[in-house]
Amino acid sequence: MKLKSVIKKAILSEKAYKQMEKGIYTFLVVTQATKNAVAKQVFSQFGVDVMRVNMTNIAPKTKRVAKTRKQVKTGGGKKAIVYLKSGQTIAMLMPKSETKGKKQKDKDKGKEKDIQKSRG
């Protein structure tokens, strides 16, 4: 397969973020893509080892155009679910860790208490 880029974009949803914790990443790929082509692209682009790839076709949805009888098909394509070796992650796609956010909030609360004590 001689395509410059097999991967169109990463699918970032709540389900995808939960799977990322387990080392499973989801990408929207071109319709001509094969499992081997996706594995090679992920290895070359992100430098991680791919264990296996699952592919699924996404059916397009029909939407009605306002004030007309026309219906248009939107979406559709092909989705690749990539399983990485254990312990490997793609840092670019990982969400920000929530522990940092919680620690920052706790620090902010402590500052507010100090300010209230100094005023009162």
C-alpha atoms as a PDB file:
ATOM      1  CA  MET A   1       0.000   0.000   0.000  1.00  0.00           C
ATOM      2  CA  LYS A   2       1.603   3.245  -1.124  1.00  0.00           C
ATOM      3  CA  LEU A   3      -0.166   5.920   0.864  1.00  0.00           C
ATOM      4  CA  LYS A   4       1.717   8.762   2.494  1.00  0.00           C
ATOM      5  CA  SER A   5      -0.483   8.770   5.563  1.00  0.00           C
ATOM      6  CA  VAL A   6      -2.751   5.888   6.473  1.00  0.00           C
ATOM      7  CA  ILE A   7      -3.928   7.478   9.741  1.00  0.00           C
ATOM      8  CA  LYS A   8      -6.347  10.407   9.370  1.00  0.00           C
ATOM      9  CA  LYS A   9      -6.773  11.255  13.059  1.00  0.00           C
ATOM     10  CA  ALA A  10      -7.039   9.769  16.525  1.00  0.00           C
ATOM     11  CA  ILE A  11     -10.495   9.175  17.942  1.00  0.00           C
ATOM     12  CA  LEU A  12     -10.657  10.893  21.335  1.00  0.00           C
ATOM     13  CA  SER A  13     -13.784  10.012  23.278  1.00  0.00           C
ATOM     14  CA  GLU A  14     -14.534   8.908  26.832  1.00  0.00           C
ATOM     15  CA  LYS A  15     -14.388   5.267  25.831  1.00  0.00           C
ATOM     16  CA  ALA A  16     -11.130   5.817  23.939  1.00  0.00           C
ATOM     17  CA  TYR A  17      -9.543   7.519  26.972  1.00  0.00           C
ATOM     18  CA  LYS A  18     -10.498   4.571  29.201  1.00  0.00           C
ATOM     19  CA  GLN A  19      -8.952   2.171  26.691  1.00  0.00           C
ATOM     20  CA  MET A  20      -5.765   4.259  26.486  1.00  0.00           C
ATOM     21  CA  GLU A  21      -5.059   3.387  30.121  1.00  0.00           C
ATOM     22  CA  LYS A  22      -4.871  -0.268  29.005  1.00  0.00           C
ATOM     23  CA  GLY A  23      -2.664   0.478  25.969  1.00  0.00           C
ATOM     24  CA  ILE A  24      -5.437   0.392  23.355  1.00  0.00           C
ATOM     25  CA  TYR A  25      -5.624   3.323  20.897  1.00  0.00           C
ATOM     26  CA  THR A  26      -8.278   4.099  18.279  1.00  0.00           C
ATOM     27  CA  PHE A  27      -7.614   5.839  14.968  1.00  0.00           C
ATOM     28  CA  LEU A  28      -9.716   6.898  11.991  1.00  0.00           C
ATOM     29  CA  VAL A  29      -7.920   5.578   8.903  1.00  0.00           C
ATOM     30  CA  VAL A  30      -8.367   5.715   5.131  1.00  0.00           C
ATOM     31  CA  THR A  31     -10.761   3.143   3.707  1.00  0.00           C
ATOM     32  CA  GLN A  32      -8.032   1.346   1.716  1.00  0.00           C
ATOM     33  CA  ALA A  33      -5.877   0.796   4.829  1.00  0.00           C
ATOM     34  CA  THR A  34      -4.791  -2.693   5.869  1.00  0.00           C
ATOM     35  CA  LYS A  35      -3.811  -3.954   9.312  1.00  0.00           C
ATOM     36  CA  ASN A  36      -0.139  -4.186   8.350  1.00  0.00           C
ATOM     37  CA  ALA A  37      -0.119  -0.661   6.902  1.00  0.00           C
ATOM     38  CA  VAL A  38      -1.676   0.743  10.097  1.00  0.00           C
ATOM     39  CA  ALA A  39       0.831  -1.115  12.295  1.00  0.00           C
ATOM     40  CA  LYS A  40       3.768   0.202  10.239  1.00  0.00           C
ATOM     41  CA  GLN A  41       2.401   3.753  10.308  1.00  0.00           C
ATOM     42  CA  VAL A  42       1.904   3.707  14.104  1.00  0.00           C
ATOM     43  CA  PHE A  43       5.429   2.327  14.592  1.00  0.00           C
ATOM     44  CA  SER A  44       7.030   4.919  12.329  1.00  0.00           C
ATOM     45  CA  GLN A  45       4.978   7.867  13.590  1.00  0.00           C
ATOM     46  CA  PHE A  46       4.973   7.182  17.349  1.00  0.00           C
ATOM     47  CA  GLY A  47       7.845   4.700  17.827  1.00  0.00           C
ATOM     48  CA  VAL A  48       5.843   2.086  19.752  1.00  0.00           C
ATOM     49  CA  ASP A  49       5.538  -1.679  19.220  1.00  0.00           C
ATOM     50  CA  VAL A  50       2.141  -2.861  17.967  1.00  0.00           C
ATOM     51  CA  MET A  51       0.843  -6.235  19.177  1.00  0.00           C
ATOM     52  CA  ARG A  52      -2.283  -6.406  17.010  1.00  0.00           C
ATOM     53  CA  VAL A  53      -4.742  -4.286  15.033  1.00  0.00           C
ATOM     54  CA  ASN A  54      -8.506  -4.668  14.695  1.00  0.00           C
ATOM     55  CA  MET A  55     -10.352  -2.920  11.855  1.00  0.00           C
ATOM     56  CA  THR A  56     -14.024  -1.978  11.620  1.00  0.00           C
ATOM     57  CA  ASN A  57     -16.077  -0.111   9.051  1.00  0.00           C
ATOM     58  CA  ILE A  58     -18.164   2.804  10.306  1.00  0.00           C
ATOM     59  CA  ALA A  59     -21.504   3.179   8.539  1.00  0.00           C
ATOM     60  CA  PRO A  60     -22.420   6.680   7.358  1.00  0.00           C
ATOM     61  CA  LYS A  61     -25.417   8.328   8.952  1.00  0.00           C
ATOM     62  CA  THR A  62     -28.169  10.119   7.025  1.00  0.00           C
ATOM     63  CA  LYS A  63     -29.214  13.622   8.017  1.00  0.00           C
ATOM     64  CA  ARG A  64     -32.089  15.686   6.705  1.00  0.00           C
ATOM     65  CA  VAL A  65     -31.320  19.116   5.255  1.00  0.00           C
ATOM     66  CA  ALA A  66     -33.465  21.780   6.911  1.00  0.00           C
ATOM     67  CA  LYS A  67     -36.533  23.055   5.013  1.00  0.00           C
ATOM     68  CA  THR A  68     -36.091  20.519   2.189  1.00  0.00           C
ATOM     69  CA  ARG A  69     -36.792  16.877   1.548  1.00  0.00           C
ATOM     70  CA  LYS A  70     -33.122  16.140   0.842  1.00  0.00           C
ATOM     71  CA  GLN A  71     -31.159  13.671   2.911  1.00  0.00           C
ATOM     72  CA  VAL A  72     -27.361  13.717   3.013  1.00  0.00           C
ATOM     73  CA  LYS A  73     -24.994  11.000   4.198  1.00  0.00           C
ATOM     74  CA  THR A  74     -22.390  12.164   6.704  1.00  0.00           C
ATOM     75  CA  GLY A  75     -19.510  10.462   8.433  1.00  0.00           C
ATOM     76  CA  GLY A  76     -18.546   6.919   7.736  1.00  0.00           C
ATOM     77  CA  GLY A  77     -15.105   5.494   7.124  1.00  0.00           C
ATOM     78  CA  LYS A  78     -12.824   2.949   8.710  1.00  0.00           C
ATOM     79  CA  LYS A  79     -11.635   2.647  12.301  1.00  0.00           C
ATOM     80  CA  ALA A  80      -8.464   0.902  13.506  1.00  0.00           C
ATOM     81  CA  ILE A  81      -8.088  -0.278  17.099  1.00  0.00           C
ATOM     82  CA  VAL A  82      -4.376  -0.663  17.887  1.00  0.00           C
ATOM     83  CA  TYR A  83      -3.096  -2.761  20.812  1.00  0.00           C
ATOM     84  CA  LEU A  84       0.380  -1.824  22.067  1.00  0.00           C
ATOM     85  CA  LYS A  85       2.869  -3.932  24.024  1.00  0.00           C
ATOM     86  CA  SER A  86       2.309  -3.724  27.767  1.00  0.00           C
ATOM     87  CA  GLY A  87       3.924  -0.724  29.380  1.00  0.00           C
ATOM     88  CA  GLN A  88       4.060   1.355  26.195  1.00  0.00           C
ATOM     89  CA  THR A  89       2.005   4.499  25.656  1.00  0.00           C
ATOM     90  CA  ILE A  90       1.642   7.274  23.109  1.00  0.00           C
ATOM     91  CA  ALA A  91       2.325  10.354  25.235  1.00  0.00           C
ATOM     92  CA  MET A  92       0.922  12.738  22.644  1.00  0.00           C
ATOM     93  CA  LEU A  93      -2.567  11.216  22.882  1.00  0.00           C
ATOM     94  CA  MET A  94      -2.727  10.580  26.629  1.00  0.00           C
ATOM     95  CA  PRO A  95      -5.010  12.893  28.617  1.00  0.00           C
ATOM     96  CA  LYS A  96      -3.528  15.098  31.308  1.00  0.00           C
ATOM     97  CA  SER A  97      -3.270  13.158  34.545  1.00  0.00           C
ATOM     98  CA  GLU A  98      -6.070  13.983  36.944  1.00  0.00           C
ATOM     99  CA  THR A  99      -3.862  13.668  40.023  1.00  0.00           C
ATOM    100  CA  LYS A 100      -2.038  16.880  39.118  1.00  0.00           C
ATOM    101  CA  GLY A 101      -5.335  18.719  38.853  1.00  0.00           C
ATOM    102  CA  LYS A 102      -6.468  17.472  42.273  1.00  0.00           C
ATOM    103  CA  LYS A 103      -3.174  18.398  43.922  1.00  0.00           C
ATOM    104  CA  GLN A 104      -3.329  21.876  42.413  1.00  0.00           C
ATOM    105  CA  LYS A 105      -6.880  22.346  43.750  1.00  0.00           C
ATOM    106  CA  ASP A 106      -5.767  21.255  47.232  1.00  0.00           C
ATOM    107  CA  LYS A 107      -2.924  23.796  47.147  1.00  0.00           C
ATOM    108  CA  ASP A 108      -5.348  26.518  46.058  1.00  0.00           C
ATOM    109  CA  LYS A 109      -7.697  25.677  48.955  1.00  0.00           C
ATOM    110  CA  GLY A 110      -4.786  25.948  51.399  1.00  0.00           C
ATOM    111  CA  LYS A 111      -3.898  29.388  50.050  1.00  0.00           C
ATOM    112  CA  GLU A 112      -7.510  30.534  50.426  1.00  0.00           C
ATOM    113  CA  LYS A 113      -7.540  29.403  54.084  1.00  0.00           C
ATOM    114  CA  ASP A 114      -4.285  31.284  54.746  1.00  0.00           C
ATOM    115  CA  ILE A 115      -5.724  34.441  53.191  1.00  0.00           C
ATOM    116  CA  GLN A 116      -8.893  34.163  55.280  1.00  0.00           C
ATOM    117  CA  LYS A 117      -6.855  33.688  58.490  1.00  0.00           C
ATOM    118  CA  SER A 118      -4.719  36.730  57.743  1.00  0.00           C
ATOM    119  CA  ARG A 119      -7.812  38.885  57.090  1.00  0.00           C
ATOM    120  CA  GLY A 120      -9.802  37.674  60.071  1.00  0.00           C
END
